[in-house]
Amino acid sequence: MQQMWTELDDYIDEHLIPEDKRLHQVMKNTVDHGLSNHLAVAPNQGMLLQMLIQMNKCKRVLEIGTFAAYSTIWLARALPKDGYLLTIEGRETHAQMAHKNITEANMDTNIELKVGFAADVLKTLTAETPAFDFIFIDADKGSYPEYLELSLKYSHSGTIIVLDNVIRAGDIIDPNNQKPSIVGIRQTFEALKNHPKLLSCTALQTVGSKGHDGFAIAIVK
């Protein structure tokens, strides 16, 4: 099945995803430096994130979990020149790679990379920090419940929150799997359920070059 999923992703990319030399260079740099490109979103997933930003005319984006900045570039592509993207990465080695990729991409919009545990970084933001229009969470899964609550703190009515990797090939419904990452995702589903600050929320399973996983998408009330 995995081979077919990957071939279908390749087919989608060939027909629907225009080539971008900046994204290609990000992936090349990532692989050349010995980092796994499997940790990045797939191109068709990147395009979905871009389209959500475009559809909602977002100008301020928060990304929790930069890795090598492949998804960062996808998010930034959708922003206007006066837009702003704050991306947070906890691992110094990943942040160094991300900084290189962001610099070389030379995007029109303002991208700020902060290094540190995302919860700590977010807690340093002042009360005057303008709310974000779009938030993408793709970091350590055990901390997803905390990231969700902090994201809501820096949101406004209509903010879109997307959480990546919330299916984990079905591990979330395996009661014998008590890994912190899986427990964190289960706790996130419980938090999303009837959350008083959310207008609506759903999750979508995905299959493709990244295997069997999925997104959760929420709109702030």
N, C-alpha and C. Protein backbone atom coordinates (compact mmCIF):
# COMPACT_ATOMS: atom_id res chain seq x y z
N MET A 1 0.82 -1.21 0.00
CA MET A 1 0.00 0.00 0.00
C MET A 1 0.86 1.26 0.00
N GLN A 2 1.96 1.23 0.77
CA GLN A 2 2.79 2.43 0.87
C GLN A 2 3.34 2.84 -0.49
N GLN A 3 3.73 1.87 -1.32
CA GLN A 3 4.26 2.21 -2.64
C GLN A 3 3.19 2.90 -3.48
N MET A 4 1.96 2.40 -3.43
CA MET A 4 0.88 3.01 -4.19
C MET A 4 0.58 4.41 -3.67
N TRP A 5 0.56 4.58 -2.32
CA TRP A 5 0.30 5.91 -1.76
C TRP A 5 1.35 6.92 -2.22
N THR A 6 2.61 6.49 -2.23
CA THR A 6 3.70 7.38 -2.65
C THR A 6 3.58 7.71 -4.13
N GLU A 7 3.25 6.71 -4.94
CA GLU A 7 3.10 6.95 -6.38
C GLU A 7 1.93 7.90 -6.65
N LEU A 8 0.86 7.78 -5.89
CA LEU A 8 -0.28 8.69 -6.05
C LEU A 8 0.09 10.12 -5.63
N ASP A 9 0.85 10.25 -4.55
CA ASP A 9 1.33 11.58 -4.16
C ASP A 9 2.19 12.17 -5.28
N ASP A 10 3.04 11.35 -5.87
CA ASP A 10 3.88 11.83 -6.98
C ASP A 10 3.01 12.29 -8.15
N TYR A 11 1.94 11.55 -8.41
CA TYR A 11 1.03 11.91 -9.49
C TYR A 11 0.35 13.25 -9.21
N ILE A 12 -0.11 13.41 -7.97
CA ILE A 12 -0.74 14.68 -7.57
C ILE A 12 0.24 15.83 -7.72
N ASP A 13 1.46 15.62 -7.22
CA ASP A 13 2.47 16.67 -7.29
C ASP A 13 2.77 17.06 -8.73
N GLU A 14 2.89 16.06 -9.59
CA GLU A 14 3.22 16.30 -11.00
C GLU A 14 2.15 17.14 -11.69
N HIS A 15 0.90 16.89 -11.34
CA HIS A 15 -0.20 17.57 -12.04
C HIS A 15 -0.66 18.86 -11.36
N LEU A 16 -0.56 18.95 -10.04
CA LEU A 16 -1.21 20.04 -9.33
C LEU A 16 -0.28 20.95 -8.53
N ILE A 17 0.94 20.53 -8.30
CA ILE A 17 1.84 21.32 -7.45
C ILE A 17 2.95 21.93 -8.31
N PRO A 18 2.87 23.23 -8.61
CA PRO A 18 3.91 23.86 -9.43
C PRO A 18 5.27 23.77 -8.74
N GLU A 19 6.31 23.56 -9.51
CA GLU A 19 7.66 23.45 -8.95
C GLU A 19 8.12 24.81 -8.43
N ASP A 20 8.74 24.81 -7.29
CA ASP A 20 9.28 26.02 -6.68
C ASP A 20 10.73 25.73 -6.31
N LYS A 21 11.66 26.46 -6.93
CA LYS A 21 13.08 26.21 -6.70
C LYS A 21 13.46 26.40 -5.24
N ARG A 22 12.76 27.28 -4.53
CA ARG A 22 13.06 27.51 -3.12
C ARG A 22 12.75 26.27 -2.29
N LEU A 23 11.61 25.67 -2.54
CA LEU A 23 11.23 24.47 -1.81
C LEU A 23 12.16 23.30 -2.16
N HIS A 24 12.52 23.22 -3.42
CA HIS A 24 13.44 22.16 -3.86
C HIS A 24 14.78 22.30 -3.14
N GLN A 25 15.26 23.54 -3.02
CA GLN A 25 16.55 23.78 -2.37
C GLN A 25 16.49 23.47 -0.88
N VAL A 26 15.38 23.80 -0.25
CA VAL A 26 15.21 23.46 1.17
C VAL A 26 15.34 21.96 1.37
N MET A 27 14.67 21.18 0.54
CA MET A 27 14.71 19.73 0.68
C MET A 27 16.11 19.19 0.39
N LYS A 28 16.77 19.76 -0.62
CA LYS A 28 18.13 19.32 -0.95
C LYS A 28 19.09 19.60 0.20
N ASN A 29 19.00 20.81 0.76
CA ASN A 29 19.86 21.16 1.89
C ASN A 29 19.61 20.23 3.07
N THR A 30 18.36 19.92 3.30
CA THR A 30 17.99 19.06 4.44
C THR A 30 18.62 17.68 4.29
N VAL A 31 18.48 17.10 3.12
CA VAL A 31 19.03 15.76 2.87
C VAL A 31 20.56 15.80 2.88
N ASP A 32 21.14 16.82 2.28
CA ASP A 32 22.60 16.93 2.21
C ASP A 32 23.22 17.03 3.60
N HIS A 33 22.47 17.56 4.56
CA HIS A 33 22.97 17.70 5.92
C HIS A 33 22.59 16.52 6.81
N GLY A 34 22.09 15.46 6.19
CA GLY A 34 21.82 14.23 6.92
C GLY A 34 20.55 14.22 7.73
N LEU A 35 19.63 15.16 7.47
CA LEU A 35 18.34 15.17 8.18
C LEU A 35 17.28 14.48 7.33
N SER A 36 16.35 13.82 7.98
CA SER A 36 15.33 13.06 7.27
C SER A 36 14.24 13.98 6.71
N ASN A 37 14.01 13.90 5.40
CA ASN A 37 12.93 14.71 4.82
C ASN A 37 11.56 14.14 5.15
N HIS A 38 11.53 12.97 5.80
CA HIS A 38 10.24 12.39 6.18
C HIS A 38 9.56 13.21 7.27
N LEU A 39 10.34 14.03 7.99
CA LEU A 39 9.77 14.86 9.05
C LEU A 39 9.05 16.09 8.50
N ALA A 40 9.25 16.39 7.23
CA ALA A 40 8.60 17.54 6.61
C ALA A 40 7.24 17.14 6.05
N VAL A 41 6.36 18.12 5.87
CA VAL A 41 5.07 17.83 5.24
C VAL A 41 5.29 17.44 3.79
N ALA A 42 4.37 16.70 3.22
CA ALA A 42 4.42 16.39 1.79
C ALA A 42 4.02 17.63 1.00
N PRO A 43 4.46 17.73 -0.27
CA PRO A 43 4.11 18.90 -1.08
C PRO A 43 2.61 19.18 -1.16
N ASN A 44 1.80 18.13 -1.34
CA ASN A 44 0.36 18.38 -1.43
C ASN A 44 -0.22 18.84 -0.09
N GLN A 45 0.40 18.43 1.01
CA GLN A 45 -0.02 18.92 2.32
C GLN A 45 0.40 20.38 2.50
N GLY A 46 1.60 20.71 2.01
CA GLY A 46 2.05 22.08 2.05
C GLY A 46 1.12 23.00 1.27
N MET A 47 0.66 22.51 0.13
CA MET A 47 -0.27 23.30 -0.69
C MET A 47 -1.60 23.49 0.03
N LEU A 48 -2.05 22.48 0.77
CA LEU A 48 -3.29 22.62 1.55
C LEU A 48 -3.13 23.73 2.58
N LEU A 49 -2.01 23.75 3.29
CA LEU A 49 -1.76 24.81 4.28
C LEU A 49 -1.75 26.17 3.60
N GLN A 50 -1.09 26.25 2.46
CA GLN A 50 -1.04 27.50 1.71
C GLN A 50 -2.43 27.96 1.31
N MET A 51 -3.26 27.05 0.84
CA MET A 51 -4.60 27.40 0.40
C MET A 51 -5.48 27.87 1.55
N LEU A 52 -5.33 27.24 2.72
CA LEU A 52 -6.11 27.68 3.89
C LEU A 52 -5.76 29.12 4.26
N ILE A 53 -4.50 29.47 4.17
CA ILE A 53 -4.07 30.84 4.45
C ILE A 53 -4.62 31.79 3.40
N GLN A 54 -4.54 31.38 2.13
CA GLN A 54 -5.02 32.24 1.05
C GLN A 54 -6.53 32.44 1.13
N MET A 55 -7.27 31.39 1.40
CA MET A 55 -8.73 31.47 1.46
C MET A 55 -9.20 32.42 2.55
N ASN A 56 -8.44 32.49 3.61
CA ASN A 56 -8.84 33.30 4.75
C ASN A 56 -8.08 34.61 4.85
N LYS A 57 -7.28 34.91 3.80
CA LYS A 57 -6.56 36.19 3.72
C LYS A 57 -5.77 36.48 5.00
N CYS A 58 -5.08 35.46 5.48
CA CYS A 58 -4.30 35.59 6.71
C CYS A 58 -3.06 36.45 6.48
N LYS A 59 -2.68 37.19 7.50
CA LYS A 59 -1.47 38.03 7.43
C LYS A 59 -0.46 37.70 8.53
N ARG A 60 -0.93 37.10 9.62
CA ARG A 60 -0.03 36.73 10.72
C ARG A 60 -0.15 35.23 10.98
N VAL A 61 1.01 34.54 10.90
CA VAL A 61 1.03 33.09 11.03
C VAL A 61 2.01 32.69 12.13
N LEU A 62 1.60 31.71 12.92
CA LEU A 62 2.45 31.11 13.94
C LEU A 62 2.67 29.65 13.58
N GLU A 63 3.93 29.25 13.57
CA GLU A 63 4.27 27.84 13.32
C GLU A 63 5.03 27.31 14.54
N ILE A 64 4.51 26.25 15.12
CA ILE A 64 5.16 25.61 16.26
C ILE A 64 5.81 24.33 15.76
N GLY A 65 7.12 24.35 15.61
CA GLY A 65 7.86 23.22 15.06
C GLY A 65 8.33 23.54 13.66
N THR A 66 9.54 24.05 13.53
CA THR A 66 10.06 24.49 12.23
C THR A 66 10.71 23.36 11.45
N PHE A 67 11.38 22.47 12.16
CA PHE A 67 12.28 21.47 11.59
C PHE A 67 13.27 22.19 10.67
N ALA A 68 13.27 21.89 9.36
CA ALA A 68 14.23 22.52 8.45
C ALA A 68 13.60 23.63 7.63
N ALA A 69 12.38 24.03 7.98
CA ALA A 69 11.67 25.19 7.39
C ALA A 69 11.00 24.89 6.05
N TYR A 70 10.81 23.62 5.71
CA TYR A 70 10.08 23.31 4.48
C TYR A 70 8.63 23.79 4.58
N SER A 71 7.96 23.42 5.67
CA SER A 71 6.58 23.90 5.85
C SER A 71 6.55 25.41 6.03
N THR A 72 7.59 25.96 6.64
CA THR A 72 7.68 27.41 6.84
C THR A 72 7.60 28.15 5.51
N ILE A 73 8.32 27.65 4.53
CA ILE A 73 8.31 28.29 3.21
C ILE A 73 6.94 28.17 2.56
N TRP A 74 6.29 27.03 2.73
CA TRP A 74 4.93 26.88 2.21
C TRP A 74 3.99 27.91 2.85
N LEU A 75 4.09 28.07 4.16
CA LEU A 75 3.24 29.04 4.85
C LEU A 75 3.54 30.46 4.39
N ALA A 76 4.81 30.78 4.26
CA ALA A 76 5.21 32.14 3.88
C ALA A 76 4.81 32.48 2.46
N ARG A 77 4.78 31.47 1.59
CA ARG A 77 4.40 31.71 0.19
C ARG A 77 3.01 32.32 0.07
N ALA A 78 2.15 32.01 1.05
CA ALA A 78 0.76 32.47 0.98
C ALA A 78 0.56 33.86 1.55
N LEU A 79 1.58 34.40 2.21
CA LEU A 79 1.42 35.67 2.91
C LEU A 79 1.75 36.86 2.01
N PRO A 80 1.10 38.00 2.27
CA PRO A 80 1.44 39.22 1.53
C PRO A 80 2.79 39.77 2.00
N LYS A 81 3.30 40.77 1.28
CA LYS A 81 4.61 41.33 1.62
C LYS A 81 4.64 41.92 3.01
N ASP A 82 3.50 42.42 3.49
CA ASP A 82 3.46 42.99 4.83
C ASP A 82 3.03 41.95 5.88
N GLY A 83 3.08 40.67 5.51
CA GLY A 83 2.72 39.62 6.43
C GLY A 83 3.85 39.32 7.41
N TYR A 84 3.53 38.47 8.39
CA TYR A 84 4.52 38.12 9.42
C TYR A 84 4.33 36.65 9.79
N LEU A 85 5.45 35.93 9.88
CA LEU A 85 5.42 34.52 10.26
C LEU A 85 6.42 34.30 11.39
N LEU A 86 5.93 33.85 12.53
CA LEU A 86 6.78 33.48 13.65
C LEU A 86 6.85 31.96 13.68
N THR A 87 8.06 31.41 13.57
CA THR A 87 8.23 29.97 13.63
C THR A 87 9.18 29.63 14.77
N ILE A 88 8.85 28.58 15.51
CA ILE A 88 9.59 28.22 16.73
C ILE A 88 10.13 26.80 16.61
N GLU A 89 11.42 26.64 16.87
CA GLU A 89 12.07 25.33 16.79
C GLU A 89 12.85 25.06 18.07
N GLY A 90 12.66 23.89 18.63
CA GLY A 90 13.29 23.56 19.90
C GLY A 90 14.69 22.98 19.80
N ARG A 91 15.02 22.37 18.67
CA ARG A 91 16.33 21.73 18.53
C ARG A 91 17.30 22.66 17.80
N GLU A 92 18.44 22.88 18.41
CA GLU A 92 19.41 23.81 17.85
C GLU A 92 19.89 23.38 16.46
N THR A 93 20.14 22.07 16.27
CA THR A 93 20.61 21.60 14.97
C THR A 93 19.56 21.83 13.88
N HIS A 94 18.30 21.61 14.22
CA HIS A 94 17.23 21.86 13.26
C HIS A 94 17.10 23.36 12.99
N ALA A 95 17.23 24.16 14.04
CA ALA A 95 17.10 25.61 13.89
C ALA A 95 18.21 26.17 12.99
N GLN A 96 19.41 25.63 13.10
CA GLN A 96 20.50 26.08 12.24
C GLN A 96 20.20 25.78 10.77
N MET A 97 19.67 24.58 10.52
CA MET A 97 19.29 24.23 9.16
C MET A 97 18.15 25.10 8.67
N ALA A 98 17.19 25.35 9.54
CA ALA A 98 16.05 26.19 9.18
C ALA A 98 16.49 27.60 8.85
N HIS A 99 17.40 28.15 9.66
CA HIS A 99 17.89 29.51 9.41
C HIS A 99 18.56 29.61 8.04
N LYS A 100 19.36 28.61 7.71
CA LYS A 100 20.01 28.58 6.39
C LYS A 100 18.96 28.55 5.28
N ASN A 101 17.97 27.69 5.42
CA ASN A 101 16.95 27.55 4.38
C ASN A 101 16.08 28.80 4.25
N ILE A 102 15.75 29.41 5.36
CA ILE A 102 14.93 30.63 5.33
C ILE A 102 15.72 31.76 4.67
N THR A 103 16.98 31.87 5.02
CA THR A 103 17.82 32.92 4.45
C THR A 103 17.96 32.76 2.95
N GLU A 104 18.23 31.54 2.51
CA GLU A 104 18.42 31.29 1.08
C GLU A 104 17.12 31.45 0.30
N ALA A 105 15.99 31.18 0.94
CA ALA A 105 14.70 31.31 0.24
C ALA A 105 14.38 32.76 -0.07
N ASN A 106 14.84 33.68 0.79
CA ASN A 106 14.67 35.13 0.55
C ASN A 106 13.22 35.47 0.23
N MET A 107 12.33 35.09 1.14
CA MET A 107 10.90 35.33 0.94
C MET A 107 10.57 36.81 1.08
N ASP A 108 9.50 37.24 0.43
CA ASP A 108 9.08 38.64 0.50
C ASP A 108 8.55 39.02 1.87
N THR A 109 7.90 38.08 2.54
CA THR A 109 7.28 38.38 3.83
C THR A 109 8.28 38.24 4.97
N ASN A 110 7.97 38.77 6.13
CA ASN A 110 8.87 38.74 7.27
C ASN A 110 8.74 37.42 8.02
N ILE A 111 9.84 36.65 8.07
CA ILE A 111 9.87 35.39 8.81
C ILE A 111 10.82 35.55 9.99
N GLU A 112 10.31 35.29 11.19
CA GLU A 112 11.15 35.34 12.39
C GLU A 112 11.25 33.95 12.99
N LEU A 113 12.48 33.48 13.16
CA LEU A 113 12.74 32.16 13.75
C LEU A 113 13.21 32.33 15.19
N LYS A 114 12.50 31.71 16.12
CA LYS A 114 12.92 31.71 17.52
C LYS A 114 13.28 30.29 17.92
N VAL A 115 14.36 30.16 18.69
CA VAL A 115 14.86 28.85 19.10
C VAL A 115 14.58 28.64 20.58
N GLY A 116 14.00 27.49 20.91
CA GLY A 116 13.70 27.17 22.30
C GLY A 116 12.44 26.32 22.38
N PHE A 117 12.17 25.80 23.57
CA PHE A 117 10.94 25.03 23.78
C PHE A 117 9.75 25.95 23.51
N ALA A 118 8.87 25.52 22.63
CA ALA A 118 7.82 26.41 22.13
C ALA A 118 6.97 27.00 23.24
N ALA A 119 6.64 26.21 24.25
CA ALA A 119 5.81 26.73 25.33
C ALA A 119 6.51 27.88 26.04
N ASP A 120 7.81 27.73 26.26
CA ASP A 120 8.57 28.79 26.93
C ASP A 120 8.64 30.04 26.06
N VAL A 121 8.87 29.85 24.77
CA VAL A 121 8.95 30.99 23.85
C VAL A 121 7.63 31.73 23.81
N LEU A 122 6.53 31.00 23.70
CA LEU A 122 5.21 31.63 23.62
C LEU A 122 4.88 32.40 24.89
N LYS A 123 5.33 31.88 26.02
CA LYS A 123 5.05 32.56 27.28
C LYS A 123 5.82 33.87 27.43
N THR A 124 6.83 34.07 26.59
CA THR A 124 7.59 35.33 26.65
C THR A 124 6.94 36.42 25.81
N LEU A 125 5.95 36.05 24.98
CA LEU A 125 5.29 37.06 24.16
C LEU A 125 4.48 37.99 25.07
N THR A 126 4.53 39.25 24.77
CA THR A 126 3.84 40.23 25.61
C THR A 126 2.34 40.22 25.36
N ALA A 127 1.63 40.81 26.27
CA ALA A 127 0.17 40.90 26.15
C ALA A 127 -0.24 41.73 24.95
N GLU A 128 0.67 42.59 24.48
CA GLU A 128 0.38 43.45 23.34
C GLU A 128 0.62 42.75 22.00
N THR A 129 1.12 41.53 22.04
CA THR A 129 1.38 40.80 20.79
C THR A 129 0.07 40.60 20.03
N PRO A 130 0.00 41.07 18.78
CA PRO A 130 -1.23 40.88 18.00
C PRO A 130 -1.54 39.40 17.80
N ALA A 131 -2.80 39.07 17.75
CA ALA A 131 -3.22 37.68 17.57
C ALA A 131 -2.80 37.18 16.19
N PHE A 132 -2.67 35.88 16.09
CA PHE A 132 -2.32 35.25 14.82
C PHE A 132 -3.59 34.80 14.10
N ASP A 133 -3.55 34.86 12.77
CA ASP A 133 -4.69 34.47 11.95
C ASP A 133 -4.69 32.97 11.64
N PHE A 134 -3.49 32.38 11.64
CA PHE A 134 -3.33 30.97 11.28
C PHE A 134 -2.22 30.39 12.12
N ILE A 135 -2.46 29.20 12.69
CA ILE A 135 -1.47 28.56 13.54
C ILE A 135 -1.29 27.11 13.09
N PHE A 136 -0.03 26.73 12.86
CA PHE A 136 0.28 25.36 12.44
C PHE A 136 1.14 24.72 13.52
N ILE A 137 0.66 23.63 14.09
CA ILE A 137 1.36 22.94 15.16
C ILE A 137 1.89 21.61 14.63
N ASP A 138 3.21 21.48 14.63
CA ASP A 138 3.87 20.27 14.13
C ASP A 138 5.17 20.07 14.91
N ALA A 139 5.03 19.78 16.19
CA ALA A 139 6.19 19.66 17.07
C ALA A 139 6.04 18.40 17.92
N ASP A 140 6.65 18.40 19.11
CA ASP A 140 6.58 17.21 19.97
C ASP A 140 5.13 16.95 20.39
N LYS A 141 4.67 15.76 20.05
CA LYS A 141 3.25 15.45 20.20
C LYS A 141 2.81 15.40 21.67
N GLY A 142 3.72 15.05 22.56
CA GLY A 142 3.36 15.01 23.97
C GLY A 142 2.96 16.36 24.53
N SER A 143 3.41 17.42 23.86
CA SER A 143 3.11 18.79 24.33
C SER A 143 1.94 19.41 23.57
N TYR A 144 1.29 18.67 22.70
CA TYR A 144 0.19 19.23 21.92
C TYR A 144 -0.91 19.87 22.78
N PRO A 145 -1.32 19.23 23.88
CA PRO A 145 -2.38 19.88 24.68
C PRO A 145 -1.98 21.27 25.17
N GLU A 146 -0.73 21.42 25.60
CA GLU A 146 -0.26 22.72 26.06
C GLU A 146 -0.15 23.69 24.90
N TYR A 147 0.34 23.22 23.76
CA TYR A 147 0.45 24.09 22.59
C TYR A 147 -0.91 24.59 22.13
N LEU A 148 -1.91 23.72 22.22
CA LEU A 148 -3.27 24.12 21.83
C LEU A 148 -3.76 25.27 22.71
N GLU A 149 -3.60 25.14 24.01
CA GLU A 149 -4.09 26.19 24.92
C GLU A 149 -3.32 27.49 24.73
N LEU A 150 -2.02 27.39 24.52
CA LEU A 150 -1.23 28.60 24.29
C LEU A 150 -1.60 29.24 22.95
N SER A 151 -1.89 28.42 21.96
CA SER A 151 -2.32 28.94 20.66
C SER A 151 -3.61 29.72 20.79
N LEU A 152 -4.53 29.21 21.58
CA LEU A 152 -5.80 29.90 21.78
C LEU A 152 -5.59 31.25 22.46
N LYS A 153 -4.58 31.34 23.29
CA LYS A 153 -4.27 32.59 23.97
C LYS A 153 -3.86 33.68 22.99
N TYR A 154 -3.23 33.26 21.88
CA TYR A 154 -2.75 34.22 20.89
C TYR A 154 -3.57 34.15 19.60
N SER A 155 -4.86 33.84 19.75
CA SER A 155 -5.78 33.74 18.62
C SER A 155 -6.86 34.81 18.72
N HIS A 156 -7.64 34.92 17.66
CA HIS A 156 -8.82 35.78 17.67
C HIS A 156 -9.96 35.00 17.04
N SER A 157 -11.14 35.53 17.08
CA SER A 157 -12.28 34.86 16.46
C SER A 157 -12.00 34.65 14.97
N GLY A 158 -12.07 33.41 14.54
CA GLY A 158 -11.80 33.10 13.15
C GLY A 158 -10.41 32.54 12.89
N THR A 159 -9.53 32.60 13.87
CA THR A 159 -8.20 32.00 13.70
C THR A 159 -8.33 30.51 13.39
N ILE A 160 -7.52 30.05 12.44
CA ILE A 160 -7.51 28.63 12.07
C ILE A 160 -6.30 27.98 12.73
N ILE A 161 -6.53 26.85 13.39
CA ILE A 161 -5.46 26.09 14.02
C ILE A 161 -5.40 24.71 13.36
N VAL A 162 -4.23 24.36 12.84
CA VAL A 162 -4.02 23.06 12.22
C VAL A 162 -2.97 22.30 13.01
N LEU A 163 -3.29 21.09 13.41
CA LEU A 163 -2.35 20.23 14.13
C LEU A 163 -2.00 19.04 13.26
N ASP A 164 -0.72 18.81 13.05
CA ASP A 164 -0.27 17.73 12.16
C ASP A 164 -0.01 16.45 12.95
N ASN A 165 -0.03 15.34 12.22
CA ASN A 165 0.36 14.02 12.77
C ASN A 165 -0.52 13.59 13.94
N VAL A 166 -1.83 13.63 13.77
CA VAL A 166 -2.72 13.29 14.88
C VAL A 166 -3.36 11.90 14.76
N ILE A 167 -2.96 11.13 13.74
CA ILE A 167 -3.53 9.79 13.57
C ILE A 167 -2.49 8.71 13.87
N ARG A 168 -1.26 8.95 13.43
CA ARG A 168 -0.13 8.06 13.74
C ARG A 168 -0.43 6.61 13.38
N ALA A 169 -0.88 6.40 12.14
CA ALA A 169 -1.15 5.05 11.62
C ALA A 169 -2.10 4.26 12.51
N GLY A 170 -3.00 4.96 13.19
CA GLY A 170 -4.00 4.31 14.03
C GLY A 170 -3.56 4.04 15.45
N ASP A 171 -2.33 4.44 15.80
CA ASP A 171 -1.83 4.15 17.15
C ASP A 171 -2.68 4.82 18.24
N ILE A 172 -3.36 5.89 17.89
CA ILE A 172 -4.13 6.61 18.92
C ILE A 172 -5.31 5.79 19.46
N ILE A 173 -5.75 4.78 18.71
CA ILE A 173 -6.87 3.96 19.20
C ILE A 173 -6.40 2.61 19.72
N ASP A 174 -5.09 2.45 19.86
CA ASP A 174 -4.53 1.23 20.43
C ASP A 174 -4.33 1.44 21.93
N PRO A 175 -5.17 0.83 22.77
CA PRO A 175 -5.07 1.09 24.22
C PRO A 175 -3.76 0.62 24.82
N ASN A 176 -3.06 -0.26 24.12
CA ASN A 176 -1.79 -0.76 24.64
C ASN A 176 -0.63 0.20 24.35
N ASN A 177 -0.87 1.17 23.50
CA ASN A 177 0.18 2.13 23.17
C ASN A 177 0.09 3.31 24.13
N GLN A 178 1.05 3.38 25.02
CA GLN A 178 1.06 4.44 26.02
C GLN A 178 2.29 5.33 25.88
N LYS A 179 2.82 5.42 24.67
CA LYS A 179 3.94 6.33 24.43
C LYS A 179 3.49 7.76 24.73
N PRO A 180 4.38 8.58 25.28
CA PRO A 180 4.00 9.97 25.60
C PRO A 180 3.45 10.73 24.40
N SER A 181 3.99 10.46 23.21
CA SER A 181 3.51 11.16 22.02
C SER A 181 2.07 10.78 21.70
N ILE A 182 1.74 9.50 21.85
CA ILE A 182 0.39 9.03 21.56
C ILE A 182 -0.59 9.50 22.64
N VAL A 183 -0.16 9.43 23.88
CA VAL A 183 -1.00 9.92 24.98
C VAL A 183 -1.29 11.41 24.79
N GLY A 184 -0.27 12.16 24.35
CA GLY A 184 -0.46 13.59 24.12
C GLY A 184 -1.49 13.88 23.05
N ILE A 185 -1.49 13.07 22.01
CA ILE A 185 -2.48 13.27 20.94
C ILE A 185 -3.88 12.93 21.44
N ARG A 186 -3.99 11.83 22.19
CA ARG A 186 -5.31 11.48 22.74
C ARG A 186 -5.83 12.60 23.64
N GLN A 187 -4.96 13.15 24.46
CA GLN A 187 -5.36 14.26 25.33
C GLN A 187 -5.78 15.48 24.52
N THR A 188 -5.14 15.66 23.37
CA THR A 188 -5.49 16.77 22.49
C THR A 188 -6.89 16.59 21.92
N PHE A 189 -7.21 15.36 21.51
CA PHE A 189 -8.57 15.08 21.02
C PHE A 189 -9.60 15.37 22.11
N GLU A 190 -9.29 14.99 23.33
CA GLU A 190 -10.21 15.26 24.44
C GLU A 190 -10.36 16.77 24.65
N ALA A 191 -9.25 17.50 24.51
CA ALA A 191 -9.30 18.96 24.70
C ALA A 191 -10.10 19.62 23.58
N LEU A 192 -9.95 19.11 22.37
CA LEU A 192 -10.67 19.69 21.22
C LEU A 192 -12.17 19.43 21.31
N LYS A 193 -12.53 18.32 21.93
CA LYS A 193 -13.94 17.93 22.02
C LYS A 193 -14.72 18.94 22.85
N ASN A 194 -15.65 19.62 22.19
CA ASN A 194 -16.53 20.60 22.86
C ASN A 194 -15.75 21.70 23.58
N HIS A 195 -14.59 22.08 23.03
CA HIS A 195 -13.81 23.14 23.66
C HIS A 195 -14.60 24.44 23.61
N PRO A 196 -14.74 25.15 24.73
CA PRO A 196 -15.58 26.35 24.75
C PRO A 196 -15.06 27.49 23.87
N LYS A 197 -13.79 27.45 23.48
CA LYS A 197 -13.23 28.53 22.68
C LYS A 197 -13.18 28.20 21.19
N LEU A 198 -13.70 27.03 20.81
CA LEU A 198 -13.66 26.63 19.40
C LEU A 198 -15.05 26.63 18.79
N LEU A 199 -15.13 27.18 17.59
CA LEU A 199 -16.39 27.20 16.86
C LEU A 199 -16.70 25.84 16.27
N SER A 200 -15.69 25.22 15.65
CA SER A 200 -15.85 23.90 15.07
C SER A 200 -14.48 23.26 14.91
N CYS A 201 -14.50 21.94 14.80
CA CYS A 201 -13.24 21.21 14.72
C CYS A 201 -13.48 19.85 14.09
N THR A 202 -12.50 19.37 13.32
CA THR A 202 -12.56 18.02 12.79
C THR A 202 -11.15 17.51 12.61
N ALA A 203 -11.04 16.24 12.26
CA ALA A 203 -9.74 15.65 11.93
C ALA A 203 -9.91 14.82 10.66
N LEU A 204 -8.89 14.81 9.84
CA LEU A 204 -8.91 14.10 8.57
C LEU A 204 -7.75 13.13 8.51
N GLN A 205 -8.03 11.88 8.18
CA GLN A 205 -6.97 10.93 7.95
C GLN A 205 -6.33 11.20 6.59
N THR A 206 -5.03 11.00 6.50
CA THR A 206 -4.33 11.14 5.23
C THR A 206 -3.46 9.92 4.99
N VAL A 207 -3.35 9.54 3.73
CA VAL A 207 -2.37 8.51 3.33
C VAL A 207 -1.59 9.08 2.16
N GLY A 208 -0.32 8.71 2.08
CA GLY A 208 0.52 9.23 1.00
C GLY A 208 1.96 8.92 1.26
N SER A 209 2.84 9.75 0.73
CA SER A 209 4.28 9.50 0.85
C SER A 209 4.74 9.52 2.30
N LYS A 210 3.96 10.14 3.20
CA LYS A 210 4.32 10.19 4.61
C LYS A 210 3.63 9.08 5.41
N GLY A 211 3.00 8.15 4.72
CA GLY A 211 2.33 7.05 5.40
C GLY A 211 0.91 7.40 5.79
N HIS A 212 0.41 6.75 6.84
CA HIS A 212 -0.97 6.94 7.30
C HIS A 212 -0.95 7.86 8.52
N ASP A 213 -1.51 9.05 8.37
CA ASP A 213 -1.52 10.01 9.46
C ASP A 213 -2.71 10.94 9.26
N GLY A 214 -2.61 12.20 9.72
CA GLY A 214 -3.74 13.09 9.51
C GLY A 214 -3.57 14.44 10.19
N PHE A 215 -4.49 15.33 9.86
CA PHE A 215 -4.55 16.69 10.41
C PHE A 215 -5.78 16.83 11.32
N ALA A 216 -5.68 17.66 12.32
CA ALA A 216 -6.86 18.19 13.02
C ALA A 216 -6.93 19.67 12.67
N ILE A 217 -8.14 20.14 12.39
CA ILE A 217 -8.34 21.54 11.99
C ILE A 217 -9.43 22.14 12.85
N ALA A 218 -9.15 23.29 13.45
CA ALA A 218 -10.12 23.94 14.32
C ALA A 218 -10.24 25.42 13.96
N ILE A 219 -11.42 25.97 14.20
CA ILE A 219 -11.67 27.40 14.03
C ILE A 219 -12.02 27.99 15.39
N VAL A 220 -11.37 29.07 15.74
CA VAL A 220 -11.60 29.70 17.03
C VAL A 220 -12.92 30.47 17.02
N LYS A 221 -13.67 30.33 18.09
CA LYS A 221 -14.99 30.96 18.21
C LYS A 221 -14.87 32.49 18.31
